[in-house]
Amino acid sequence: MVDNAFTTTLAHLGYSMNLFIIPITTLIVGIKLFREKKATGKFNIVRSTIFSIFFTFSILVILEFFVNVPVEKPALLVEWFGGLFESLNLYSFLIGIIASLGITLIAVANRWESFYYTSLFFYGGMVILFLFTGFDDLLMIYVYITGGASIIFLYLTAFRVKDNGALALAIFFTIAFGSVAIDIDLVTRISVLVYDVILIIYSTGFFKPFKVEVVS
């Protein structure tokens, strides 16, 4: 009983922190993106991809808050959101976009131009296949593979070019996707609090393990 109450409290705290921290992080990343665009006259594709990841994640956590916190909500929203990988729903759809953008980020960071949008097109094909046939058996496999690949290559990229942003995102992805993969209630709740703290440090510019960055 006490354990359930503790886990529930952690869950509500995590949902509430996410509701503020993720959108604020998105806003900060967006401001940096448009500030750089104003200075250079063009969008930085790496920052644009990072912004897209956080923007998608913001939508996810806002929906997650309203679905899981005891407030009035449309029944249709709860049904569409799902919250699990049992089928393609709003929750798994957004997770899939984030995982696909993770691969895109790796491609643009390493200048693999042929692969910039490959994961997004492939994922779009999976969604279209589901809409016409109802087949979504590959969704979980796809998310695990792309999520895992994103994490591995983000770490490799971060240490190769000494990029603080890539390392912060690698740690964030590790915790976020790890909590989804492990799916243990208490671990998930604690993980949410941990990656929120990491995002605060990252977005405020204090995450600088690499004192001198090679990447521009």
Protein backbone atom coordinates (compact mmCIF):
# COMPACT_ATOMS: atom_id res chain seq x y z
CA MET A 1 0.00 0.00 0.00
CA VAL A 2 2.80 2.37 0.97
CA ASP A 3 4.81 1.29 -2.10
CA ASN A 4 1.82 2.00 -4.36
CA ALA A 5 1.30 5.43 -2.79
CA PHE A 6 5.02 6.23 -3.18
CA THR A 7 5.05 5.11 -6.82
CA THR A 8 1.88 7.08 -7.56
CA THR A 9 3.37 10.20 -5.95
CA LEU A 10 6.55 9.79 -8.02
CA ALA A 11 4.44 9.31 -11.15
CA HIS A 12 2.42 12.50 -10.59
CA LEU A 13 5.61 14.41 -9.75
CA GLY A 14 7.23 13.14 -12.94
CA TYR A 15 4.23 14.00 -15.11
CA SER A 16 4.11 17.50 -13.60
CA MET A 17 7.85 18.09 -14.04
CA ASN A 18 7.68 16.85 -17.62
CA LEU A 19 4.78 19.19 -18.35
CA PHE A 20 6.99 22.19 -17.58
CA ILE A 21 10.59 21.09 -18.17
CA ILE A 22 10.24 19.44 -21.60
CA PRO A 23 8.33 22.35 -23.24
CA ILE A 24 10.70 24.88 -21.62
CA THR A 25 13.69 22.93 -22.95
CA THR A 26 12.01 22.90 -26.37
CA LEU A 27 11.52 26.67 -26.15
CA ILE A 28 15.18 27.24 -25.22
CA VAL A 29 16.40 25.01 -28.06
CA GLY A 30 14.00 26.81 -30.43
CA ILE A 31 15.27 30.24 -29.37
CA LYS A 32 18.87 29.13 -30.00
CA LEU A 33 17.82 27.71 -33.39
CA PHE A 34 16.13 30.92 -34.58
CA ARG A 35 18.85 33.12 -33.10
CA GLU A 36 21.45 31.23 -35.10
CA LYS A 37 19.23 31.40 -38.18
CA LYS A 38 19.02 35.17 -37.80
CA ALA A 39 22.81 35.42 -37.51
CA THR A 40 23.71 33.06 -40.36
CA GLY A 41 20.67 33.36 -42.63
CA LYS A 42 19.96 29.63 -42.60
CA PHE A 43 18.74 26.95 -40.23
CA ASN A 44 21.33 24.67 -38.64
CA ILE A 45 20.14 21.18 -39.57
CA VAL A 46 21.52 19.61 -36.38
CA ARG A 47 19.76 22.14 -34.14
CA SER A 48 16.61 21.79 -36.26
CA THR A 49 16.60 18.03 -35.71
CA ILE A 50 17.18 18.42 -31.97
CA PHE A 51 14.34 20.96 -31.84
CA SER A 52 12.07 18.51 -33.70
CA ILE A 53 12.90 15.78 -31.17
CA PHE A 54 12.06 17.98 -28.19
CA PHE A 55 8.95 19.40 -29.89
CA THR A 56 7.63 15.87 -30.47
CA PHE A 57 8.55 14.89 -26.92
CA SER A 58 6.70 17.97 -25.62
CA ILE A 59 3.53 16.84 -27.37
CA LEU A 60 4.00 13.37 -25.87
CA VAL A 61 4.43 14.56 -22.27
CA ILE A 62 1.55 17.05 -22.48
CA LEU A 63 -0.79 14.29 -23.68
CA GLU A 64 0.66 11.89 -21.09
CA PHE A 65 -0.04 14.39 -18.32
CA PHE A 66 -3.69 14.85 -19.23
CA VAL A 67 -4.24 11.11 -19.75
CA ASN A 68 -2.55 9.86 -16.56
CA VAL A 69 -3.19 12.63 -14.02
CA PRO A 70 -6.69 12.50 -12.45
CA VAL A 71 -8.27 15.46 -14.26
CA GLU A 72 -11.29 15.69 -16.55
CA LYS A 73 -10.38 14.44 -20.01
CA PRO A 74 -12.20 13.29 -23.16
CA ALA A 75 -12.61 9.51 -23.21
CA LEU A 76 -11.57 9.54 -26.86
CA LEU A 77 -8.18 11.04 -25.92
CA VAL A 78 -7.50 8.22 -23.47
CA GLU A 79 -8.48 5.64 -26.08
CA TRP A 80 -6.37 7.16 -28.85
CA PHE A 81 -3.34 7.82 -26.64
CA GLY A 82 -3.07 4.21 -25.48
CA GLY A 83 0.13 4.61 -23.47
CA LEU A 84 1.55 1.19 -24.39
CA PHE A 85 3.10 -0.58 -27.39
CA GLU A 86 0.19 -2.96 -27.77
CA SER A 87 -0.68 -1.28 -31.07
CA LEU A 88 -0.02 1.86 -33.08
CA ASN A 89 -1.61 4.62 -31.00
CA LEU A 90 -0.70 8.24 -30.27
CA TYR A 91 1.84 7.17 -27.63
CA SER A 92 3.68 4.62 -29.77
CA PHE A 93 3.35 6.87 -32.85
CA LEU A 94 5.15 9.75 -31.11
CA ILE A 95 7.80 7.42 -29.63
CA GLY A 96 8.40 6.13 -33.16
CA ILE A 97 8.87 9.68 -34.48
CA ILE A 98 11.38 10.45 -31.71
CA ALA A 99 13.31 7.24 -32.44
CA SER A 100 13.32 8.04 -36.18
CA LEU A 101 14.54 11.58 -35.52
CA GLY A 102 17.30 10.09 -33.37
CA ILE A 103 18.60 8.26 -36.45
CA THR A 104 18.21 11.46 -38.50
CA LEU A 105 20.27 13.33 -35.90
CA ILE A 106 23.05 10.77 -36.20
CA ALA A 107 23.00 11.06 -40.00
CA VAL A 108 23.14 14.87 -40.06
CA ALA A 109 25.75 15.04 -37.29
CA ASN A 110 28.02 12.74 -39.28
CA ARG A 111 27.04 14.30 -42.65
CA TRP A 112 25.68 11.04 -44.05
CA GLU A 113 23.51 12.90 -46.54
CA SER A 114 22.04 9.79 -48.18
CA PHE A 115 20.54 8.77 -44.82
CA TYR A 116 19.23 12.14 -43.60
CA TYR A 117 15.56 11.24 -43.99
CA THR A 118 15.69 7.47 -44.53
CA SER A 119 14.35 6.57 -41.08
CA LEU A 120 11.49 9.08 -41.36
CA PHE A 121 10.42 7.74 -44.76
CA PHE A 122 10.67 4.15 -43.51
CA TYR A 123 8.61 4.97 -40.43
CA GLY A 124 6.08 6.84 -42.56
CA GLY A 125 5.76 3.70 -44.69
CA MET A 126 5.06 1.63 -41.56
CA VAL A 127 2.32 4.06 -40.51
CA ILE A 128 0.74 4.00 -43.99
CA LEU A 129 0.89 0.18 -43.96
CA PHE A 130 -0.94 0.19 -40.61
CA LEU A 131 -3.62 2.59 -41.85
CA PHE A 132 -4.41 0.38 -44.85
CA THR A 133 -3.89 -3.10 -43.38
CA GLY A 134 -3.83 -2.76 -39.58
CA PHE A 135 -0.39 -4.45 -39.51
CA ASP A 136 1.88 -3.02 -36.80
CA ASP A 137 3.87 -6.04 -35.61
CA LEU A 138 7.17 -4.42 -36.57
CA LEU A 139 6.58 -1.25 -34.54
CA MET A 140 8.18 -2.36 -31.26
CA ILE A 141 11.12 -3.97 -33.07
CA TYR A 142 11.63 -0.78 -35.10
CA VAL A 143 11.57 1.46 -32.02
CA TYR A 144 14.03 -0.75 -30.12
CA ILE A 145 16.44 -0.98 -33.07
CA THR A 146 16.34 2.73 -33.96
CA GLY A 147 16.38 3.80 -30.31
CA GLY A 148 19.34 1.53 -29.54
CA ALA A 149 21.22 2.60 -32.67
CA SER A 150 20.59 6.28 -31.85
CA ILE A 151 22.04 5.84 -28.37
CA ILE A 152 25.15 3.97 -29.54
CA PHE A 153 25.95 6.39 -32.36
CA LEU A 154 25.22 9.45 -30.22
CA TYR A 155 27.85 8.29 -27.72
CA LEU A 156 30.31 7.54 -30.54
CA THR A 157 29.65 10.91 -32.18
CA ALA A 158 29.85 12.78 -28.88
CA PHE A 159 33.27 11.38 -27.98
CA ARG A 160 34.59 11.56 -31.54
CA VAL A 161 33.84 15.27 -32.05
CA LYS A 162 33.70 16.18 -28.33
CA ASP A 163 30.15 17.50 -28.62
CA ASN A 164 28.48 18.31 -25.28
CA GLY A 165 25.02 18.43 -26.85
CA ALA A 166 25.35 14.98 -28.41
CA LEU A 167 26.56 13.52 -25.11
CA ALA A 168 23.68 15.11 -23.19
CA LEU A 169 21.20 13.72 -25.72
CA ALA A 170 22.87 10.30 -25.55
CA ILE A 171 22.40 10.20 -21.78
CA PHE A 172 18.83 11.49 -22.14
CA PHE A 173 17.97 8.85 -24.77
CA THR A 174 19.59 6.11 -22.66
CA ILE A 175 17.41 6.91 -19.66
CA ALA A 176 14.23 7.66 -21.64
CA PHE A 177 14.33 4.59 -23.89
CA GLY A 178 15.72 2.44 -21.08
CA SER A 179 12.69 3.22 -18.94
CA VAL A 180 10.39 2.29 -21.85
CA ALA A 181 12.26 -0.96 -22.53
CA ILE A 182 12.54 -2.10 -18.90
CA ASP A 183 8.95 -1.10 -18.09
CA ILE A 184 9.28 -1.50 -14.30
CA ASP A 185 7.00 1.00 -12.61
CA LEU A 186 9.38 2.32 -9.93
CA VAL A 187 12.36 2.41 -12.33
CA THR A 188 10.31 4.34 -14.89
CA ARG A 189 9.16 6.92 -12.32
CA ILE A 190 12.69 7.54 -11.02
CA SER A 191 14.07 7.65 -14.58
CA VAL A 192 11.67 10.45 -15.50
CA LEU A 193 12.94 12.59 -12.61
CA VAL A 194 16.57 11.88 -13.53
CA TYR A 195 16.26 12.83 -17.20
CA ASP A 196 14.33 15.97 -16.24
CA VAL A 197 17.29 17.06 -14.11
CA ILE A 198 19.68 16.29 -16.99
CA LEU A 199 17.55 18.37 -19.36
CA ILE A 200 17.63 21.31 -16.95
CA ILE A 201 21.44 21.15 -16.82
CA TYR A 202 21.66 20.74 -20.62
CA SER A 203 19.20 23.48 -21.59
CA THR A 204 20.73 26.03 -19.21
CA GLY A 205 24.18 25.47 -20.74
CA PHE A 206 25.86 23.98 -17.67
CA PHE A 207 26.42 20.53 -19.20
CA LYS A 208 30.02 20.91 -20.43
CA PRO A 209 32.09 17.77 -19.76
CA PHE A 210 34.07 18.63 -22.91
CA LYS A 211 35.76 21.92 -22.12
CA VAL A 212 36.87 22.38 -25.73
CA GLU A 213 34.50 21.18 -28.44
CA VAL A 214 35.80 20.15 -31.85
CA VAL A 215 32.43 20.46 -33.57
CA SER A 216 31.33 23.94 -34.60
